[in-house]
Amino acid sequence: MMDSDSNPSCEPKTSAPDSVLIAEDDPIFRQILESWLQRWDYRVTAVDNGLDAWTALQKEDAPQMAILDWMMPRMDGLELCRKIRRLGQHPYRYLLLLTAKDDKQDVVAGLEAGADDYLTKPFDLDELRARLRAGRRILELQEKLIRAHGALEFEATHDHLTALLNRGAILDALKREMQRSLRTKVPVGIVMADIDHFKKVNDSQGHLVGDAVLQEVARRLATAVRSYDLVGRFGGEEFLIILPGCDAPGLVTPAERLRRSVADEPIGQISVSVSIGVASLAQFGDGCPCEALLRAADTALYQAKAQGRNRIVVAPAVQSAAV
């Protein structure tokens, strides 16, 4: 499977901007607020104290907007604003503070505590609705920015043709896994896979067909690995797969699964296979640099090519200083 970052839609689960938390200890006023908001098509969660509001806002799908009374039992609105902002929640929570206080210093205190807006009781119904609409616009803009950022991040780290991690991203991932392996003493292995006779496909069928073959091979490789393995396009028709927890003998079975995922079924009318070289950090010792491990797997890959293709070769163990 590709890493979870390979899907730009894999974002934290959040509620829609039309969900609102009401924290108000006056039961009549709370009921009136709830009735108004529901009439305006907001989805409402209502609580009668600050501590319950704090608990509700910790949930993964908590409302993104909150109407908070300043004076509440167990935790007042001002302290609740401060705690929410200290938490640094993502996505952003839009906080509207309600109070009977109308002194300018109180307004400043509320905004400095983290409130986005402020309404003094008693307030006009249309004004409340307008303030909520403004908050909703801000949250909708935030959603668009998050999606745009996710798309840009995806483009920066993924190959545009195959949607796999690109060369830079898969190399960064390998360095991280090697560092983790040194800390935890859990082995990490790599698989280098190269499509056999791919130039013939491009020459005889054209580059559009060649691209379709690359995409399908990438899809098969990505679905033939474990959820925490990483698959990247290393360059051209060559792929790098990172398998945490695998020593050299343990690499053979997943490598064979990868080989068969490509070779067992034609892509359209085209028979396709991959040659594979594998190497594990455990073969070379703690001092082995990333480049040496890649070179060992790549050398094994070309031995697989030389031995007839569509096969797996395990890199021989050597001392890292000699690699």
Protein backbone atom coordinates (compact mmCIF):
# COMPACT_ATOMS: atom_id res chain seq x y z
CA MET A 1 0.00 0.00 0.00
CA MET A 2 1.12 3.56 -0.62
CA ASP A 3 1.77 5.72 2.41
CA SER A 4 -1.16 7.56 3.92
CA ASP A 5 0.28 10.82 2.65
CA SER A 6 -0.17 9.67 -0.90
CA ASN A 7 -3.80 10.60 -0.73
CA PRO A 8 -4.27 14.36 -0.48
CA SER A 9 -7.73 13.80 0.95
CA CYS A 10 -6.30 12.03 4.02
CA GLU A 11 -6.90 14.94 6.38
CA PRO A 12 -7.97 14.97 10.01
CA LYS A 13 -11.64 14.19 10.46
CA THR A 14 -13.50 17.43 11.16
CA SER A 15 -17.04 18.68 11.39
CA ALA A 16 -18.53 21.03 8.82
CA PRO A 17 -18.42 24.82 9.34
CA ASP A 18 -22.18 24.75 9.96
CA SER A 19 -21.81 22.92 13.31
CA VAL A 20 -21.98 25.09 16.43
CA LEU A 21 -21.42 24.48 20.13
CA ILE A 22 -23.49 26.59 22.53
CA ALA A 23 -22.14 26.90 26.09
CA GLU A 24 -24.68 28.84 28.15
CA ASP A 25 -25.77 28.19 31.74
CA ASP A 26 -29.12 30.01 31.48
CA PRO A 27 -31.50 27.20 30.37
CA ILE A 28 -34.08 29.52 28.82
CA PHE A 29 -31.55 31.58 26.87
CA ARG A 30 -29.70 28.40 25.83
CA GLN A 31 -32.94 26.93 24.48
CA ILE A 32 -33.72 30.16 22.60
CA LEU A 33 -30.24 30.20 21.05
CA GLU A 34 -30.51 26.56 20.07
CA SER A 35 -33.90 27.17 18.45
CA TRP A 36 -32.61 30.14 16.46
CA LEU A 37 -29.55 28.33 15.18
CA GLN A 38 -31.49 25.25 14.15
CA ARG A 39 -33.89 27.50 12.26
CA TRP A 40 -30.85 28.88 10.42
CA ASP A 41 -29.79 25.33 9.49
CA TYR A 42 -26.90 25.03 11.93
CA ARG A 43 -26.22 21.72 13.64
CA VAL A 44 -26.16 22.46 17.35
CA THR A 45 -24.54 20.91 20.41
CA ALA A 46 -25.57 22.60 23.66
CA VAL A 47 -24.01 22.39 27.15
CA ASP A 48 -24.59 24.34 30.36
CA ASN A 49 -21.06 24.83 31.71
CA GLY A 50 -17.53 25.59 30.59
CA LEU A 51 -16.02 22.24 31.54
CA ASP A 52 -18.52 20.29 29.42
CA ALA A 53 -17.83 22.72 26.58
CA TRP A 54 -14.08 22.08 26.95
CA THR A 55 -14.70 18.32 26.85
CA ALA A 56 -16.93 18.61 23.78
CA LEU A 57 -14.32 20.66 21.94
CA GLN A 58 -11.64 17.98 22.48
CA LYS A 59 -13.50 15.49 20.30
CA GLU A 60 -12.23 14.72 16.84
CA ASP A 61 -15.46 15.86 15.19
CA ALA A 62 -16.08 18.80 17.54
CA PRO A 63 -18.03 21.80 16.19
CA GLN A 64 -15.80 24.35 14.49
CA MET A 65 -17.80 27.29 15.84
CA ALA A 66 -18.60 27.92 19.49
CA ILE A 67 -20.86 30.46 21.18
CA LEU A 68 -19.51 30.83 24.72
CA ASP A 69 -21.09 32.69 27.61
CA TRP A 70 -18.52 34.65 29.62
CA MET A 71 -20.00 33.78 33.03
CA MET A 72 -20.45 30.00 33.40
CA PRO A 73 -19.99 27.48 36.23
CA ARG A 74 -16.95 25.16 36.36
CA MET A 75 -15.03 27.21 33.77
CA ASP A 76 -15.86 30.67 32.47
CA GLY A 77 -15.82 31.68 28.82
CA LEU A 78 -12.60 33.67 29.14
CA GLU A 79 -10.62 30.73 30.55
CA LEU A 80 -12.20 28.41 27.99
CA CYS A 81 -11.01 30.67 25.16
CA ARG A 82 -7.49 30.66 26.60
CA LYS A 83 -7.39 26.87 26.94
CA ILE A 84 -8.66 26.34 23.39
CA ARG A 85 -6.03 28.67 21.94
CA ARG A 86 -3.23 27.11 24.02
CA LEU A 87 -4.22 23.75 22.64
CA GLY A 88 -3.50 24.99 19.12
CA GLN A 89 -6.23 22.86 17.60
CA HIS A 90 -6.31 22.08 13.92
CA PRO A 91 -8.55 22.97 12.23
CA TYR A 92 -9.22 26.35 13.73
CA ARG A 93 -12.18 26.89 16.12
CA TYR A 94 -14.13 30.10 15.65
CA LEU A 95 -15.14 31.48 19.08
CA LEU A 96 -17.93 33.97 19.69
CA LEU A 97 -18.06 35.28 23.27
CA LEU A 98 -21.36 36.40 24.82
CA THR A 99 -21.51 38.66 27.88
CA ALA A 100 -23.44 41.34 29.68
CA LYS A 101 -20.14 43.22 30.14
CA ASP A 102 -19.86 46.16 27.75
CA ASP A 103 -16.81 48.00 29.09
CA LYS A 104 -14.09 48.50 26.47
CA GLN A 105 -11.54 46.81 28.73
CA ASP A 106 -13.78 43.73 28.94
CA VAL A 107 -14.02 43.60 25.16
CA VAL A 108 -10.23 43.79 24.91
CA ALA A 109 -9.82 41.07 27.56
CA GLY A 110 -12.16 38.75 25.68
CA LEU A 111 -10.41 39.24 22.34
CA GLU A 112 -6.96 38.86 23.92
CA ALA A 113 -8.10 35.60 25.53
CA GLY A 114 -8.70 34.21 22.06
CA ALA A 115 -12.27 35.09 21.13
CA ASP A 116 -12.77 35.91 17.46
CA ASP A 117 -15.85 38.01 18.03
CA TYR A 118 -17.86 39.48 20.87
CA LEU A 119 -21.57 40.18 21.45
CA THR A 120 -22.99 42.08 24.41
CA LYS A 121 -26.28 40.91 25.89
CA PRO A 122 -28.98 41.74 25.03
CA PHE A 123 -28.10 41.60 21.34
CA ASP A 124 -30.00 41.87 18.11
CA LEU A 125 -31.03 38.60 16.49
CA ASP A 126 -29.94 39.72 13.02
CA GLU A 127 -26.58 40.79 14.39
CA LEU A 128 -25.97 37.31 15.84
CA ARG A 129 -26.88 35.74 12.51
CA ALA A 130 -24.52 38.08 10.65
CA ARG A 131 -21.64 37.32 13.07
CA LEU A 132 -22.18 33.59 12.59
CA ARG A 133 -22.19 34.01 8.81
CA ALA A 134 -18.88 35.87 9.05
CA GLY A 135 -17.43 33.04 11.14
CA ARG A 136 -18.70 30.49 8.69
CA ARG A 137 -17.06 32.32 5.76
CA ILE A 138 -13.74 32.33 7.63
CA LEU A 139 -13.96 28.58 8.31
CA GLU A 140 -14.92 27.81 4.70
CA LEU A 141 -11.92 29.81 3.53
CA GLN A 142 -9.76 27.85 5.94
CA GLU A 143 -11.05 24.57 4.45
CA LYS A 144 -10.11 25.74 0.96
CA LEU A 145 -6.64 26.74 2.14
CA ILE A 146 -6.14 23.36 3.83
CA ARG A 147 -7.15 21.52 0.67
CA ALA A 148 -4.90 23.71 -1.47
CA HIS A 149 -1.97 23.16 0.91
CA GLY A 150 -2.58 19.41 0.87
CA ALA A 151 -2.64 19.37 -2.93
CA LEU A 152 0.61 21.35 -3.13
CA GLU A 153 2.27 19.10 -0.57
CA PHE A 154 1.12 16.03 -2.49
CA GLU A 155 2.52 17.41 -5.76
CA ALA A 156 5.83 18.19 -4.08
CA THR A 157 6.32 14.66 -2.74
CA HIS A 158 4.60 12.43 -5.32
CA ASP A 159 5.22 11.39 -8.88
CA HIS A 160 2.58 12.95 -11.11
CA LEU A 161 2.19 9.90 -13.37
CA THR A 162 2.00 7.05 -10.86
CA ALA A 163 0.94 8.93 -7.69
CA LEU A 164 3.68 7.08 -5.81
CA LEU A 165 6.24 8.88 -3.69
CA ASN A 166 8.75 10.59 -5.95
CA ARG A 167 12.50 10.00 -5.82
CA GLY A 168 13.22 12.70 -3.26
CA ALA A 169 10.39 11.65 -0.95
CA ILE A 170 11.17 7.93 -1.03
CA LEU A 171 14.87 8.63 -0.35
CA ASP A 172 13.93 10.84 2.60
CA ALA A 173 11.68 8.04 3.87
CA LEU A 174 14.51 5.52 3.55
CA LYS A 175 16.87 7.72 5.57
CA ARG A 176 14.25 8.03 8.31
CA GLU A 177 13.65 4.27 8.38
CA MET A 178 17.40 3.58 8.56
CA GLN A 179 17.75 5.99 11.46
CA ARG A 180 14.81 4.33 13.21
CA SER A 181 16.40 0.94 12.60
CA LEU A 182 19.61 2.09 14.28
CA ARG A 183 17.66 3.29 17.32
CA THR A 184 15.31 0.34 17.69
CA LYS A 185 17.55 -2.44 16.33
CA VAL A 186 14.63 -3.53 14.10
CA PRO A 187 15.88 -4.38 10.59
CA VAL A 188 14.78 -2.56 7.49
CA GLY A 189 14.99 -3.91 3.97
CA ILE A 190 14.62 -2.46 0.50
CA VAL A 191 13.46 -3.81 -2.83
CA MET A 192 14.58 -2.34 -6.14
CA ALA A 193 12.26 -3.37 -8.96
CA ASP A 194 12.73 -2.53 -12.63
CA ILE A 195 10.28 -3.26 -15.46
CA ASP A 196 11.83 -5.69 -17.94
CA HIS A 197 12.16 -4.62 -21.60
CA PHE A 198 10.25 -1.43 -20.96
CA LYS A 199 11.98 0.37 -23.83
CA LYS A 200 10.46 -2.16 -26.22
CA VAL A 201 7.00 -1.30 -24.92
CA ASN A 202 7.58 2.39 -25.60
CA ASP A 203 9.15 1.73 -29.00
CA SER A 204 6.50 -0.71 -30.23
CA GLN A 205 3.35 0.58 -28.51
CA GLY A 206 4.08 4.27 -28.00
CA HIS A 207 4.61 6.37 -24.92
CA LEU A 208 0.93 6.62 -24.02
CA VAL A 209 0.77 2.85 -23.68
CA GLY A 210 4.10 2.94 -21.86
CA ASP A 211 2.65 5.42 -19.39
CA ALA A 212 -0.39 3.19 -18.86
CA VAL A 213 1.91 0.24 -18.16
CA LEU A 214 3.90 2.30 -15.64
CA GLN A 215 0.70 3.34 -13.88
CA GLU A 216 -0.62 -0.22 -13.68
CA VAL A 217 2.70 -1.63 -12.46
CA ALA A 218 2.80 1.11 -9.80
CA ARG A 219 -0.75 0.24 -8.73
CA ARG A 220 0.04 -3.47 -8.47
CA LEU A 221 3.21 -2.88 -6.48
CA ALA A 222 1.41 -0.51 -4.10
CA THR A 223 -1.36 -3.02 -3.44
CA ALA A 224 1.04 -5.94 -2.93
CA VAL A 225 2.75 -4.52 0.16
CA ARG A 226 1.77 -4.07 3.80
CA SER A 227 0.00 -0.93 4.99
CA TYR A 228 3.19 0.48 6.56
CA ASP A 229 5.55 -0.33 3.68
CA LEU A 230 6.49 2.53 1.35
CA VAL A 231 6.56 2.46 -2.45
CA GLY A 232 8.17 5.13 -4.62
CA ARG A 233 9.11 5.71 -8.22
CA PHE A 234 12.88 5.83 -8.11
CA GLY A 235 13.28 6.92 -11.69
CA GLY A 236 12.10 5.92 -15.16
CA GLU A 237 10.71 2.41 -14.87
CA GLU A 238 12.48 1.65 -11.58
CA PHE A 239 10.74 1.47 -8.20
CA LEU A 240 12.03 1.50 -4.62
CA ILE A 241 10.05 -0.29 -1.92
CA ILE A 242 10.94 0.09 1.79
CA LEU A 243 10.00 -2.81 4.08
CA PRO A 244 10.51 -2.12 7.80
CA GLY A 245 11.16 -5.16 9.98
CA CYS A 246 12.68 -7.31 7.21
CA ASP A 247 16.15 -8.83 7.23
CA ALA A 248 17.60 -10.33 4.03
CA PRO A 249 15.89 -13.76 4.29
CA GLY A 250 12.65 -12.06 5.23
CA LEU A 251 12.74 -9.96 2.07
CA VAL A 252 12.38 -12.88 -0.31
CA THR A 253 8.70 -13.62 0.34
CA PRO A 254 7.44 -10.02 -0.07
CA ALA A 255 9.73 -9.55 -3.08
CA GLU A 256 8.23 -12.66 -4.68
CA ARG A 257 4.75 -11.30 -3.98
CA LEU A 258 5.73 -8.07 -5.73
CA ARG A 259 7.20 -9.94 -8.70
CA ARG A 260 4.10 -12.09 -9.12
CA SER A 261 1.74 -9.13 -8.77
CA VAL A 262 3.22 -7.81 -12.01
CA ALA A 263 4.06 -10.99 -13.94
CA ASP A 264 1.02 -13.18 -13.24
CA GLU A 265 -1.43 -11.17 -15.33
CA PRO A 266 -0.83 -9.23 -18.58
CA ILE A 267 -1.54 -5.52 -18.73
CA GLY A 268 -4.01 -5.47 -21.55
CA GLN A 269 -2.34 -7.54 -24.24
CA ILE A 270 1.16 -6.86 -22.95
CA SER A 271 3.07 -9.35 -20.81
CA VAL A 272 5.06 -7.44 -18.24
CA SER A 273 7.56 -8.55 -15.60
CA VAL A 274 10.00 -6.98 -13.17
CA SER A 275 13.50 -7.87 -12.12
CA ILE A 276 14.19 -7.36 -8.42
CA GLY A 277 17.21 -6.78 -6.22
CA VAL A 278 16.86 -6.80 -2.44
CA ALA A 279 19.10 -5.77 0.43
CA SER A 280 18.70 -5.34 4.19
CA LEU A 281 20.51 -2.94 6.48
CA ALA A 282 21.18 -5.91 8.78
CA GLN A 283 23.56 -7.32 6.13
CA PHE A 284 25.92 -4.38 6.30
CA GLY A 285 26.11 -3.21 9.89
CA ASP A 286 25.19 0.01 11.64
CA GLY A 287 27.68 2.15 9.72
CA CYS A 288 26.14 1.47 6.32
CA PRO A 289 25.13 4.73 4.60
CA CYS A 290 21.92 5.03 2.61
CA GLU A 291 23.82 5.22 -0.70
CA ALA A 292 25.64 1.94 0.01
CA LEU A 293 22.40 0.09 0.76
CA LEU A 294 20.84 1.42 -2.45
CA ARG A 295 23.93 0.48 -4.43
CA ALA A 296 23.84 -3.06 -3.06
CA ALA A 297 20.17 -3.51 -4.01
CA ASP A 298 20.78 -1.94 -7.43
CA THR A 299 23.71 -4.27 -8.10
CA ALA A 300 21.53 -7.24 -7.16
CA LEU A 301 18.85 -5.93 -9.51
CA TYR A 302 21.23 -5.87 -12.46
CA GLN A 303 22.38 -9.37 -11.58
CA ALA A 304 18.72 -10.41 -11.83
CA LYS A 305 18.61 -8.80 -15.27
CA ALA A 306 21.78 -10.59 -16.33
CA GLN A 307 20.43 -13.96 -15.11
CA GLY A 308 17.38 -13.77 -17.36
CA ARG A 309 15.03 -11.17 -15.83
CA ASN A 310 11.72 -11.72 -14.02
CA ARG A 311 13.54 -12.94 -10.91
CA ILE A 312 14.87 -11.91 -7.49
CA VAL A 313 18.49 -11.61 -6.41
CA VAL A 314 19.50 -10.97 -2.80
CA ALA A 315 22.52 -8.72 -2.34
CA PRO A 316 25.41 -10.53 -0.65
CA ALA A 317 26.38 -9.36 2.82
CA VAL A 318 29.57 -7.30 2.95
CA GLN A 319 31.18 -5.01 5.48
CA SER A 320 29.93 -1.45 5.13
CA ALA A 321 33.46 -0.11 4.90
CA ALA A 322 34.04 -2.23 1.80
CA VAL A 323 30.83 -1.21 0.03
